[in-house]
N, C-alpha and C. Protein backbone atom coordinates (compact mmCIF):
# COMPACT_ATOMS: atom_id res chain seq x y z
N MET A 1 -1.32 -15.20 59.56
CA MET A 1 -0.82 -14.97 58.21
C MET A 1 0.36 -15.89 57.90
N LYS A 2 0.51 -16.27 56.65
CA LYS A 2 1.61 -17.12 56.23
C LYS A 2 2.89 -16.29 56.11
N CYS A 3 4.01 -17.00 56.21
CA CYS A 3 5.31 -16.32 56.10
C CYS A 3 5.46 -15.62 54.74
N SER A 4 4.98 -16.26 53.67
CA SER A 4 5.09 -15.65 52.34
C SER A 4 4.33 -14.32 52.28
N GLU A 5 3.18 -14.26 52.92
CA GLU A 5 2.40 -13.02 52.94
C GLU A 5 3.10 -11.96 53.79
N ILE A 6 3.66 -12.37 54.92
CA ILE A 6 4.38 -11.43 55.79
C ILE A 6 5.58 -10.83 55.06
N GLN A 7 6.38 -11.70 54.42
CA GLN A 7 7.58 -11.23 53.73
C GLN A 7 7.23 -10.31 52.56
N TYR A 8 6.09 -10.56 51.93
CA TYR A 8 5.66 -9.70 50.83
C TYR A 8 5.33 -8.29 51.33
N ASP A 9 4.76 -8.20 52.55
CA ASP A 9 4.35 -6.90 53.11
C ASP A 9 5.43 -6.24 53.96
N LEU A 10 6.57 -6.91 54.16
CA LEU A 10 7.61 -6.35 55.02
C LEU A 10 8.11 -4.97 54.59
N PRO A 11 8.37 -4.72 53.29
CA PRO A 11 8.84 -3.37 52.92
C PRO A 11 7.85 -2.28 53.32
N ASP A 12 6.56 -2.52 53.04
CA ASP A 12 5.55 -1.53 53.42
C ASP A 12 5.42 -1.42 54.95
N PHE A 13 5.62 -2.54 55.63
CA PHE A 13 5.56 -2.53 57.10
C PHE A 13 6.66 -1.65 57.68
N LEU A 14 7.89 -1.81 57.17
CA LEU A 14 9.01 -1.04 57.67
C LEU A 14 8.89 0.45 57.33
N LEU A 15 8.20 0.76 56.23
CA LEU A 15 8.02 2.16 55.84
C LEU A 15 6.75 2.76 56.43
N GLY A 16 5.99 1.94 57.16
CA GLY A 16 4.79 2.43 57.81
C GLY A 16 3.65 2.74 56.87
N LYS A 17 3.54 1.99 55.79
CA LYS A 17 2.51 2.26 54.80
C LYS A 17 1.27 1.37 54.95
N LEU A 18 1.27 0.46 55.90
CA LEU A 18 0.13 -0.44 56.09
C LEU A 18 -0.84 0.15 57.11
N SER A 19 -2.02 -0.44 57.13
CA SER A 19 -3.02 -0.01 58.12
C SER A 19 -2.58 -0.44 59.52
N GLU A 20 -3.20 0.15 60.54
CA GLU A 20 -2.86 -0.19 61.92
C GLU A 20 -3.09 -1.68 62.19
N GLU A 21 -4.14 -2.22 61.65
CA GLU A 21 -4.44 -3.65 61.86
C GLU A 21 -3.37 -4.53 61.24
N GLN A 22 -2.94 -4.19 60.02
CA GLN A 22 -1.90 -4.99 59.34
C GLN A 22 -0.55 -4.83 60.05
N GLN A 23 -0.25 -3.62 60.46
CA GLN A 23 1.01 -3.40 61.18
C GLN A 23 1.06 -4.24 62.46
N ALA A 24 -0.04 -4.27 63.21
CA ALA A 24 -0.09 -5.04 64.46
C ALA A 24 0.01 -6.52 64.19
N SER A 25 -0.63 -7.00 63.13
CA SER A 25 -0.59 -8.43 62.81
C SER A 25 0.83 -8.88 62.46
N ILE A 26 1.56 -8.05 61.71
CA ILE A 26 2.93 -8.41 61.33
C ILE A 26 3.86 -8.36 62.55
N ARG A 27 3.67 -7.38 63.43
CA ARG A 27 4.51 -7.31 64.63
C ARG A 27 4.34 -8.57 65.48
N GLU A 28 3.11 -9.03 65.63
CA GLU A 28 2.86 -10.26 66.39
C GLU A 28 3.53 -11.46 65.73
N HIS A 29 3.51 -11.51 64.40
CA HIS A 29 4.13 -12.63 63.68
C HIS A 29 5.65 -12.60 63.84
N LEU A 30 6.25 -11.42 63.81
CA LEU A 30 7.71 -11.32 63.92
C LEU A 30 8.21 -11.75 65.30
N VAL A 31 7.37 -11.63 66.31
CA VAL A 31 7.77 -12.06 67.65
C VAL A 31 7.97 -13.56 67.70
N THR A 32 7.19 -14.31 66.97
CA THR A 32 7.23 -15.77 67.04
C THR A 32 7.96 -16.42 65.87
N CYS A 33 8.24 -15.68 64.78
CA CYS A 33 8.85 -16.28 63.57
C CYS A 33 10.25 -15.70 63.37
N GLU A 34 11.26 -16.53 63.61
CA GLU A 34 12.65 -16.08 63.48
C GLU A 34 13.01 -15.80 62.02
N ARG A 35 12.49 -16.60 61.13
CA ARG A 35 12.81 -16.43 59.70
C ARG A 35 12.33 -15.07 59.18
N CYS A 36 11.09 -14.72 59.46
CA CYS A 36 10.55 -13.43 59.01
C CYS A 36 11.23 -12.28 59.75
N ARG A 37 11.61 -12.51 61.01
CA ARG A 37 12.30 -11.47 61.77
C ARG A 37 13.66 -11.18 61.16
N SER A 38 14.36 -12.23 60.74
CA SER A 38 15.66 -12.06 60.09
C SER A 38 15.51 -11.31 58.76
N GLU A 39 14.47 -11.64 58.02
CA GLU A 39 14.21 -10.94 56.74
C GLU A 39 13.94 -9.47 56.99
N ALA A 40 13.20 -9.16 58.06
CA ALA A 40 12.90 -7.77 58.38
C ALA A 40 14.16 -7.01 58.77
N GLU A 41 15.10 -7.65 59.49
CA GLU A 41 16.34 -6.99 59.88
C GLU A 41 17.19 -6.66 58.66
N GLN A 42 17.24 -7.57 57.70
CA GLN A 42 18.02 -7.32 56.48
C GLN A 42 17.44 -6.14 55.69
N LEU A 43 16.13 -6.09 55.61
CA LEU A 43 15.50 -4.98 54.90
C LEU A 43 15.76 -3.65 55.61
N LYS A 44 15.78 -3.67 56.94
CA LYS A 44 16.08 -2.45 57.69
C LYS A 44 17.47 -1.93 57.34
N GLY A 45 18.44 -2.86 57.22
CA GLY A 45 19.80 -2.47 56.86
C GLY A 45 19.87 -1.85 55.47
N VAL A 46 19.14 -2.43 54.53
CA VAL A 46 19.12 -1.88 53.17
C VAL A 46 18.54 -0.48 53.17
N PHE A 47 17.42 -0.30 53.86
CA PHE A 47 16.78 1.02 53.91
C PHE A 47 17.69 2.05 54.58
N SER A 48 18.43 1.62 55.60
CA SER A 48 19.35 2.55 56.29
C SER A 48 20.45 3.02 55.36
N GLU A 49 21.00 2.09 54.56
CA GLU A 49 22.04 2.45 53.61
C GLU A 49 21.51 3.43 52.56
N LEU A 50 20.30 3.19 52.12
CA LEU A 50 19.71 4.08 51.11
C LEU A 50 19.50 5.48 51.65
N HIS A 51 19.04 5.58 52.87
CA HIS A 51 18.80 6.89 53.46
C HIS A 51 20.09 7.61 53.82
N ALA A 52 21.18 6.84 54.01
CA ALA A 52 22.45 7.45 54.40
C ALA A 52 23.09 8.22 53.24
N HIS A 53 22.78 7.85 52.02
CA HIS A 53 23.37 8.50 50.86
C HIS A 53 22.42 9.59 50.33
N GLN A 54 22.98 10.76 50.11
CA GLN A 54 22.20 11.86 49.56
C GLN A 54 21.95 11.62 48.07
N PRO A 55 20.78 11.90 47.60
CA PRO A 55 20.51 11.72 46.17
C PRO A 55 21.36 12.66 45.32
N TRP A 56 21.75 12.17 44.17
CA TRP A 56 22.60 12.96 43.27
C TRP A 56 21.77 14.08 42.65
N ALA A 57 22.31 15.26 42.65
CA ALA A 57 21.63 16.42 42.06
C ALA A 57 22.31 16.78 40.75
N PRO A 58 21.62 16.74 39.64
CA PRO A 58 22.24 17.06 38.35
C PRO A 58 22.57 18.54 38.28
N PRO A 59 23.55 18.92 37.47
CA PRO A 59 23.89 20.34 37.32
C PRO A 59 22.77 21.11 36.63
N SER A 60 22.85 22.40 36.68
CA SER A 60 21.80 23.25 36.11
C SER A 60 21.68 23.09 34.60
N THR A 61 22.80 22.73 33.94
CA THR A 61 22.74 22.56 32.48
C THR A 61 21.84 21.38 32.08
N TYR A 62 21.66 20.43 33.01
CA TYR A 62 20.78 19.30 32.72
C TYR A 62 19.36 19.78 32.48
N TRP A 63 18.88 20.69 33.32
CA TRP A 63 17.50 21.16 33.21
C TRP A 63 17.33 22.14 32.06
N SER A 64 18.39 22.89 31.72
CA SER A 64 18.26 23.92 30.69
C SER A 64 18.61 23.43 29.29
N THR A 65 19.43 22.39 29.19
CA THR A 65 19.91 21.94 27.88
C THR A 65 19.56 20.49 27.59
N LEU A 66 20.02 19.60 28.45
CA LEU A 66 19.88 18.17 28.16
C LEU A 66 18.43 17.71 28.22
N LEU A 67 17.70 18.09 29.24
CA LEU A 67 16.33 17.63 29.39
C LEU A 67 15.42 18.06 28.24
N PRO A 68 15.48 19.33 27.78
CA PRO A 68 14.66 19.70 26.61
C PRO A 68 14.98 18.89 25.37
N LYS A 69 16.28 18.57 25.18
CA LYS A 69 16.65 17.75 24.03
C LYS A 69 16.07 16.34 24.14
N ILE A 70 16.05 15.81 25.34
CA ILE A 70 15.47 14.48 25.55
C ILE A 70 13.98 14.49 25.21
N HIS A 71 13.27 15.51 25.68
CA HIS A 71 11.84 15.61 25.38
C HIS A 71 11.60 15.78 23.88
N GLN A 72 12.46 16.53 23.21
CA GLN A 72 12.32 16.72 21.77
C GLN A 72 12.51 15.41 21.02
N ARG A 73 13.51 14.62 21.45
CA ARG A 73 13.77 13.33 20.81
C ARG A 73 12.60 12.38 21.01
N ILE A 74 11.99 12.41 22.19
CA ILE A 74 10.84 11.55 22.47
C ILE A 74 9.66 11.93 21.59
N GLU A 75 9.44 13.24 21.41
CA GLU A 75 8.33 13.69 20.57
C GLU A 75 8.55 13.31 19.11
N GLU A 76 9.81 13.36 18.64
CA GLU A 76 10.10 12.98 17.26
C GLU A 76 9.82 11.51 17.01
N LYS A 77 9.99 10.69 18.04
CA LYS A 77 9.77 9.26 17.89
C LYS A 77 8.35 8.84 18.25
N SER A 78 7.49 9.82 18.56
CA SER A 78 6.11 9.47 18.94
C SER A 78 5.34 8.90 17.77
N SER A 79 5.73 9.28 16.52
CA SER A 79 5.10 8.72 15.31
C SER A 79 6.14 7.88 14.60
N PRO A 80 6.28 6.62 14.98
CA PRO A 80 7.36 5.78 14.42
C PRO A 80 7.16 5.53 12.94
N ALA A 81 8.29 5.44 12.25
CA ALA A 81 8.24 5.11 10.83
C ALA A 81 7.89 3.65 10.64
N LEU A 82 7.64 3.28 9.38
CA LEU A 82 7.32 1.89 9.08
C LEU A 82 8.52 1.00 9.40
N PRO A 83 8.27 -0.19 9.90
CA PRO A 83 9.38 -1.10 10.16
C PRO A 83 10.18 -1.37 8.90
N GLU A 84 11.46 -1.65 9.09
CA GLU A 84 12.34 -1.85 7.94
C GLU A 84 11.90 -3.02 7.08
N TRP A 85 11.35 -4.08 7.70
CA TRP A 85 10.96 -5.25 6.92
C TRP A 85 9.79 -4.93 6.01
N ILE A 86 8.91 -4.00 6.46
CA ILE A 86 7.79 -3.61 5.60
C ILE A 86 8.31 -2.84 4.39
N THR A 87 9.29 -1.94 4.63
CA THR A 87 9.87 -1.18 3.52
C THR A 87 10.54 -2.10 2.51
N ARG A 88 11.29 -3.10 3.01
CA ARG A 88 11.96 -4.02 2.09
C ARG A 88 10.95 -4.81 1.28
N LEU A 89 9.81 -5.13 1.87
CA LEU A 89 8.79 -5.88 1.16
C LEU A 89 8.01 -5.00 0.20
N ALA A 90 7.74 -3.75 0.61
CA ALA A 90 6.89 -2.87 -0.19
C ALA A 90 7.59 -2.42 -1.47
N MET A 91 8.90 -2.21 -1.43
CA MET A 91 9.59 -1.69 -2.60
C MET A 91 9.54 -2.65 -3.79
N PRO A 92 9.92 -3.93 -3.63
CA PRO A 92 9.79 -4.82 -4.78
C PRO A 92 8.35 -5.07 -5.17
N LEU A 93 7.44 -5.05 -4.19
CA LEU A 93 6.02 -5.24 -4.51
C LEU A 93 5.51 -4.08 -5.35
N SER A 94 5.90 -2.86 -5.00
CA SER A 94 5.49 -1.69 -5.78
C SER A 94 6.06 -1.77 -7.20
N ALA A 95 7.32 -2.20 -7.30
CA ALA A 95 7.92 -2.33 -8.62
C ALA A 95 7.18 -3.36 -9.47
N ALA A 96 6.76 -4.45 -8.84
CA ALA A 96 6.01 -5.48 -9.57
C ALA A 96 4.67 -4.94 -10.06
N ILE A 97 3.99 -4.16 -9.21
CA ILE A 97 2.70 -3.59 -9.60
C ILE A 97 2.87 -2.65 -10.77
N VAL A 98 3.93 -1.80 -10.72
CA VAL A 98 4.18 -0.88 -11.82
C VAL A 98 4.45 -1.65 -13.11
N ALA A 99 5.22 -2.73 -13.01
CA ALA A 99 5.52 -3.53 -14.19
C ALA A 99 4.26 -4.11 -14.80
N VAL A 100 3.35 -4.61 -13.95
CA VAL A 100 2.10 -5.18 -14.45
C VAL A 100 1.27 -4.12 -15.15
N VAL A 101 1.20 -2.91 -14.55
CA VAL A 101 0.41 -1.83 -15.15
C VAL A 101 0.98 -1.45 -16.51
N VAL A 102 2.32 -1.39 -16.60
CA VAL A 102 2.94 -1.05 -17.87
C VAL A 102 2.65 -2.10 -18.92
N LEU A 103 2.73 -3.37 -18.55
CA LEU A 103 2.46 -4.44 -19.50
C LEU A 103 1.03 -4.41 -19.99
N ILE A 104 0.11 -4.12 -19.06
CA ILE A 104 -1.30 -4.05 -19.45
C ILE A 104 -1.53 -2.89 -20.41
N SER A 105 -0.90 -1.74 -20.12
CA SER A 105 -1.09 -0.58 -20.99
C SER A 105 -0.44 -0.79 -22.35
N LEU A 106 0.65 -1.57 -22.41
CA LEU A 106 1.28 -1.86 -23.69
C LEU A 106 0.54 -2.92 -24.47
N ASN A 107 -0.16 -3.81 -23.79
CA ASN A 107 -0.92 -4.89 -24.43
C ASN A 107 -2.35 -4.88 -23.93
N PRO A 108 -3.13 -3.87 -24.26
CA PRO A 108 -4.46 -3.73 -23.67
C PRO A 108 -5.47 -4.72 -24.19
N PHE A 109 -5.14 -5.53 -25.21
CA PHE A 109 -6.14 -6.41 -25.79
C PHE A 109 -5.80 -7.88 -25.59
N GLU A 110 -5.01 -8.16 -24.56
CA GLU A 110 -4.64 -9.55 -24.31
C GLU A 110 -5.79 -10.34 -23.73
N THR A 111 -6.69 -9.71 -22.97
CA THR A 111 -7.78 -10.44 -22.34
C THR A 111 -8.92 -10.60 -23.31
N GLY A 112 -9.66 -11.69 -23.15
CA GLY A 112 -10.77 -11.99 -24.03
C GLY A 112 -11.87 -10.95 -23.95
N THR A 113 -12.12 -10.42 -22.77
CA THR A 113 -13.20 -9.44 -22.59
C THR A 113 -12.92 -8.18 -23.38
N GLN A 114 -11.69 -7.67 -23.30
CA GLN A 114 -11.36 -6.45 -24.02
C GLN A 114 -11.41 -6.68 -25.52
N SER A 115 -10.92 -7.80 -25.99
CA SER A 115 -10.96 -8.10 -27.42
C SER A 115 -12.40 -8.17 -27.91
N HIS A 116 -13.25 -8.79 -27.11
CA HIS A 116 -14.66 -8.93 -27.50
C HIS A 116 -15.33 -7.57 -27.58
N GLU A 117 -15.03 -6.69 -26.60
CA GLU A 117 -15.63 -5.36 -26.60
C GLU A 117 -15.17 -4.56 -27.82
N LEU A 118 -13.89 -4.62 -28.14
CA LEU A 118 -13.38 -3.89 -29.29
C LEU A 118 -13.94 -4.46 -30.58
N GLN A 119 -14.07 -5.78 -30.65
CA GLN A 119 -14.64 -6.40 -31.84
C GLN A 119 -16.06 -5.91 -32.06
N THR A 120 -16.83 -5.82 -30.99
CA THR A 120 -18.21 -5.32 -31.09
C THR A 120 -18.23 -3.88 -31.59
N ILE A 121 -17.29 -3.06 -31.07
CA ILE A 121 -17.23 -1.65 -31.50
C ILE A 121 -16.91 -1.55 -32.99
N LEU A 122 -15.93 -2.32 -33.45
CA LEU A 122 -15.55 -2.25 -34.86
C LEU A 122 -16.67 -2.70 -35.78
N GLN A 123 -17.44 -3.68 -35.34
CA GLN A 123 -18.55 -4.16 -36.16
C GLN A 123 -19.66 -3.13 -36.28
N GLN A 124 -19.72 -2.18 -35.35
CA GLN A 124 -20.77 -1.17 -35.37
C GLN A 124 -20.38 0.07 -36.17
N LEU A 125 -19.14 0.13 -36.63
CA LEU A 125 -18.69 1.31 -37.36
C LEU A 125 -19.34 1.40 -38.74
N GLN A 126 -19.56 2.63 -39.17
CA GLN A 126 -20.05 2.91 -40.51
C GLN A 126 -18.86 3.15 -41.44
N PRO A 127 -19.05 3.03 -42.75
CA PRO A 127 -17.94 3.22 -43.70
C PRO A 127 -17.23 4.56 -43.53
N GLU A 128 -18.01 5.65 -43.24
CA GLU A 128 -17.36 6.95 -43.08
C GLU A 128 -16.37 6.94 -41.91
N GLU A 129 -16.78 6.29 -40.82
CA GLU A 129 -15.93 6.24 -39.64
C GLU A 129 -14.71 5.37 -39.89
N ILE A 130 -14.90 4.27 -40.61
CA ILE A 130 -13.77 3.40 -40.94
C ILE A 130 -12.76 4.16 -41.79
N GLY A 131 -13.28 4.96 -42.73
CA GLY A 131 -12.40 5.73 -43.59
C GLY A 131 -11.55 6.71 -42.81
N LYS A 132 -12.14 7.32 -41.78
CA LYS A 132 -11.38 8.26 -40.96
C LYS A 132 -10.26 7.56 -40.20
N VAL A 133 -10.57 6.34 -39.71
CA VAL A 133 -9.53 5.58 -39.02
C VAL A 133 -8.39 5.23 -39.96
N ILE A 134 -8.74 4.85 -41.20
CA ILE A 134 -7.70 4.50 -42.18
C ILE A 134 -6.84 5.72 -42.50
N GLU A 135 -7.50 6.88 -42.64
CA GLU A 135 -6.74 8.10 -42.91
C GLU A 135 -5.78 8.43 -41.77
N MET A 136 -6.24 8.20 -40.52
CA MET A 136 -5.37 8.43 -39.37
C MET A 136 -4.15 7.53 -39.42
N GLN A 137 -4.37 6.27 -39.78
CA GLN A 137 -3.26 5.32 -39.85
C GLN A 137 -2.30 5.68 -40.97
N GLU A 138 -2.85 6.12 -42.11
CA GLU A 138 -1.99 6.53 -43.23
C GLU A 138 -1.14 7.73 -42.84
N ALA A 139 -1.73 8.67 -42.11
CA ALA A 139 -1.00 9.86 -41.70
C ALA A 139 0.15 9.53 -40.76
N SER A 140 -0.04 8.46 -39.96
CA SER A 140 1.01 8.05 -39.02
C SER A 140 2.02 7.11 -39.64
N GLY A 141 1.82 6.74 -40.93
CA GLY A 141 2.78 5.87 -41.61
C GLY A 141 2.53 4.39 -41.43
N ILE A 142 1.41 4.00 -40.82
CA ILE A 142 1.11 2.57 -40.63
C ILE A 142 0.10 2.15 -41.67
N SER A 143 0.54 1.98 -42.92
CA SER A 143 -0.39 1.66 -44.00
C SER A 143 -0.87 0.22 -43.93
N GLU A 144 -0.08 -0.67 -43.25
CA GLU A 144 -0.52 -2.07 -43.15
C GLU A 144 -1.84 -2.16 -42.40
N PHE A 145 -2.01 -1.36 -41.38
CA PHE A 145 -3.26 -1.41 -40.62
C PHE A 145 -4.44 -0.96 -41.47
N SER A 146 -4.21 -0.01 -42.38
CA SER A 146 -5.30 0.45 -43.23
C SER A 146 -5.81 -0.68 -44.10
N SER A 147 -4.88 -1.46 -44.68
CA SER A 147 -5.33 -2.57 -45.51
C SER A 147 -6.00 -3.65 -44.68
N LEU A 148 -5.52 -3.87 -43.44
CA LEU A 148 -6.17 -4.85 -42.57
C LEU A 148 -7.59 -4.43 -42.24
N LEU A 149 -7.77 -3.18 -41.89
CA LEU A 149 -9.09 -2.70 -41.51
C LEU A 149 -10.03 -2.75 -42.70
N GLU A 150 -9.53 -2.35 -43.86
CA GLU A 150 -10.37 -2.37 -45.06
C GLU A 150 -10.74 -3.81 -45.42
N GLU A 151 -9.77 -4.72 -45.35
CA GLU A 151 -10.00 -6.12 -45.72
C GLU A 151 -11.02 -6.76 -44.80
N SER A 152 -10.94 -6.47 -43.47
CA SER A 152 -11.77 -7.17 -42.50
C SER A 152 -13.18 -6.62 -42.41
N LEU A 153 -13.37 -5.36 -42.80
CA LEU A 153 -14.69 -4.74 -42.62
C LEU A 153 -15.41 -4.46 -43.93
N THR A 154 -14.81 -4.79 -45.06
CA THR A 154 -15.45 -4.50 -46.33
C THR A 154 -16.69 -5.37 -46.54
N ASN A 155 -16.68 -6.61 -46.04
CA ASN A 155 -17.75 -7.57 -46.33
C ASN A 155 -19.13 -7.03 -45.96
N GLY A 156 -19.27 -6.47 -44.77
CA GLY A 156 -20.60 -6.06 -44.32
C GLY A 156 -20.92 -4.62 -44.60
N ASN A 157 -19.96 -3.81 -45.00
CA ASN A 157 -20.21 -2.38 -45.13
C ASN A 157 -20.03 -1.87 -46.56
N GLY A 158 -19.84 -2.73 -47.53
CA GLY A 158 -19.67 -2.28 -48.90
C GLY A 158 -18.25 -1.87 -49.19
N SER A 159 -18.00 -1.47 -50.40
CA SER A 159 -16.65 -1.11 -50.82
C SER A 159 -16.21 0.19 -50.16
N LEU A 160 -14.93 0.21 -49.79
CA LEU A 160 -14.37 1.41 -49.17
C LEU A 160 -13.38 2.10 -50.10
N ALA A 161 -13.46 1.78 -51.39
CA ALA A 161 -12.48 2.31 -52.32
C ALA A 161 -12.51 3.83 -52.38
N GLU A 162 -13.70 4.41 -52.20
CA GLU A 162 -13.81 5.86 -52.28
C GLU A 162 -13.31 6.55 -51.02
N LEU A 163 -13.10 5.79 -49.94
CA LEU A 163 -12.75 6.39 -48.66
C LEU A 163 -11.27 6.34 -48.37
N VAL A 164 -10.51 5.53 -49.09
CA VAL A 164 -9.09 5.39 -48.83
C VAL A 164 -8.30 5.82 -50.04
N THR A 165 -7.01 6.08 -49.84
CA THR A 165 -6.15 6.47 -50.95
C THR A 165 -5.74 5.24 -51.73
N ASP A 166 -5.17 5.50 -52.95
CA ASP A 166 -4.72 4.37 -53.76
C ASP A 166 -3.62 3.59 -53.08
N GLU A 167 -2.85 4.29 -52.25
CA GLU A 167 -1.73 3.62 -51.59
C GLU A 167 -2.20 2.55 -50.63
N THR A 168 -3.32 2.80 -49.92
CA THR A 168 -3.80 1.81 -48.95
C THR A 168 -4.31 0.57 -49.64
N GLN A 169 -4.77 0.68 -50.91
CA GLN A 169 -5.31 -0.48 -51.60
C GLN A 169 -4.21 -1.40 -52.14
N LEU A 170 -2.94 -0.97 -52.03
CA LEU A 170 -1.84 -1.82 -52.48
C LEU A 170 -1.56 -2.94 -51.52
N TYR A 171 -2.04 -2.81 -50.26
CA TYR A 171 -1.76 -3.79 -49.24
C TYR A 171 -2.97 -4.66 -49.07
N SER A 172 -2.75 -5.94 -48.96
CA SER A 172 -3.87 -6.87 -48.77
C SER A 172 -3.37 -8.08 -48.02
N ILE A 173 -3.97 -8.32 -46.83
CA ILE A 173 -3.63 -9.48 -46.01
C ILE A 173 -4.90 -10.28 -45.82
N PRO A 174 -5.07 -11.43 -46.47
CA PRO A 174 -6.33 -12.18 -46.42
C PRO A 174 -6.53 -12.86 -45.08
N ASP A 175 -7.79 -13.27 -44.86
CA ASP A 175 -8.18 -14.07 -43.69
C ASP A 175 -7.82 -13.37 -42.38
N VAL A 176 -8.08 -12.08 -42.28
CA VAL A 176 -7.82 -11.34 -41.05
C VAL A 176 -9.14 -11.05 -40.37
N ASP A 177 -9.28 -11.42 -39.10
CA ASP A 177 -10.54 -11.19 -38.39
C ASP A 177 -10.47 -9.89 -37.59
N ILE A 178 -11.59 -9.56 -36.95
CA ILE A 178 -11.70 -8.31 -36.21
C ILE A 178 -10.71 -8.26 -35.05
N GLU A 179 -10.51 -9.42 -34.39
CA GLU A 179 -9.63 -9.45 -33.23
C GLU A 179 -8.21 -9.09 -33.60
N SER A 180 -7.74 -9.58 -34.79
CA SER A 180 -6.38 -9.24 -35.20
C SER A 180 -6.26 -7.76 -35.52
N VAL A 181 -7.33 -7.18 -36.04
CA VAL A 181 -7.33 -5.74 -36.30
C VAL A 181 -7.26 -4.97 -34.99
N ALA A 182 -8.01 -5.48 -34.00
CA ALA A 182 -8.05 -4.79 -32.70
C ALA A 182 -6.67 -4.68 -32.08
N ARG A 183 -5.83 -5.67 -32.31
CA ARG A 183 -4.50 -5.66 -31.71
C ARG A 183 -3.62 -4.56 -32.29
N GLU A 184 -3.98 -4.03 -33.49
CA GLU A 184 -3.17 -3.00 -34.11
C GLU A 184 -3.53 -1.60 -33.63
N LEU A 185 -4.69 -1.45 -32.98
CA LEU A 185 -5.11 -0.13 -32.51
C LEU A 185 -4.37 0.25 -31.24
N ASP A 186 -4.04 1.53 -31.12
CA ASP A 186 -3.49 1.99 -29.84
C ASP A 186 -4.61 2.60 -29.01
N GLU A 187 -4.29 2.99 -27.79
CA GLU A 187 -5.31 3.48 -26.85
C GLU A 187 -5.98 4.75 -27.35
N GLU A 188 -5.23 5.64 -27.97
CA GLU A 188 -5.81 6.90 -28.45
C GLU A 188 -6.83 6.65 -29.54
N GLU A 189 -6.53 5.70 -30.43
CA GLU A 189 -7.47 5.39 -31.52
C GLU A 189 -8.73 4.72 -30.98
N ILE A 190 -8.56 3.85 -30.00
CA ILE A 190 -9.73 3.20 -29.41
C ILE A 190 -10.62 4.23 -28.73
N SER A 191 -10.02 5.15 -27.99
CA SER A 191 -10.79 6.19 -27.32
C SER A 191 -11.56 7.03 -28.33
N ASP A 192 -10.92 7.31 -29.48
CA ASP A 192 -11.59 8.10 -30.51
C ASP A 192 -12.79 7.35 -31.07
N LEU A 193 -12.62 6.04 -31.31
CA LEU A 193 -13.73 5.24 -31.83
C LEU A 193 -14.87 5.17 -30.84
N VAL A 194 -14.55 4.95 -29.59
CA VAL A 194 -15.59 4.86 -28.56
C VAL A 194 -16.34 6.18 -28.45
N ALA A 195 -15.62 7.30 -28.54
CA ALA A 195 -16.27 8.61 -28.45
C ALA A 195 -17.23 8.82 -29.60
N ARG A 196 -16.82 8.38 -30.80
CA ARG A 196 -17.69 8.53 -31.97
C ARG A 196 -18.96 7.69 -31.81
N LEU A 197 -18.78 6.47 -31.29
CA LEU A 197 -19.95 5.60 -31.10
C LEU A 197 -20.87 6.13 -30.02
N GLU A 198 -20.29 6.70 -28.98
CA GLU A 198 -21.13 7.28 -27.92
C GLU A 198 -21.94 8.45 -28.45
N GLN A 199 -21.34 9.26 -29.35
CA GLN A 199 -22.07 10.37 -29.94
C GLN A 199 -23.24 9.88 -30.78
N ARG A 200 -23.07 8.72 -31.38
CA ARG A 200 -24.14 8.15 -32.21
C ARG A 200 -25.11 7.31 -31.40
N LYS A 201 -24.87 7.26 -30.06
CA LYS A 201 -25.72 6.48 -29.14
C LYS A 201 -25.78 5.01 -29.56
N MET A 202 -24.63 4.50 -30.01
CA MET A 202 -24.57 3.10 -30.41
C MET A 202 -24.11 2.21 -29.27
N ILE A 203 -23.43 2.82 -28.24
CA ILE A 203 -23.04 2.06 -27.06
C ILE A 203 -23.41 2.87 -25.86
N ASN A 204 -23.54 2.20 -24.67
CA ASN A 204 -23.89 2.91 -23.44
C ASN A 204 -22.66 3.58 -22.87
């Protein structure tokens, strides 16, 4: 056996933990190798010092008070919280997401797809339904929208004079298309229009 292998097994050799064959092989090597023999003597001295000192015995309060608290602390940390860097990153990210959602809800017709869908819905309305929308706007004090809706949808659906009040006919904004009208509707009004069209089986 090489000296490196002997020195690696010396602690177990001195403690008698090796097989009989290994113990005999190391004893033979120590007879002829001064270097490994010196290493074995030093280890014997260390082991003697360790055995000479009695192990420290903790007081009874350690087992009754301190040790249970240690186990409790370990159990509390068994489910670690998120790392601090994740929390610092998640908070501004969450705020940004909330801001985007708020902006979308305040401006629901900024995208071309939504404007196109609303334009299609408005084009499918009948005069009676348009009149109800105008009445809703008049009740809320937004008479400008009533004139916009009447101006933009009168061409294909006939006159709406019988469906609106005289006050709504005082307002007139020319050259207004469906998309500009769509921007004046709020979410509640759009939902009402969609519900009416669904009842008439005009949209899926």
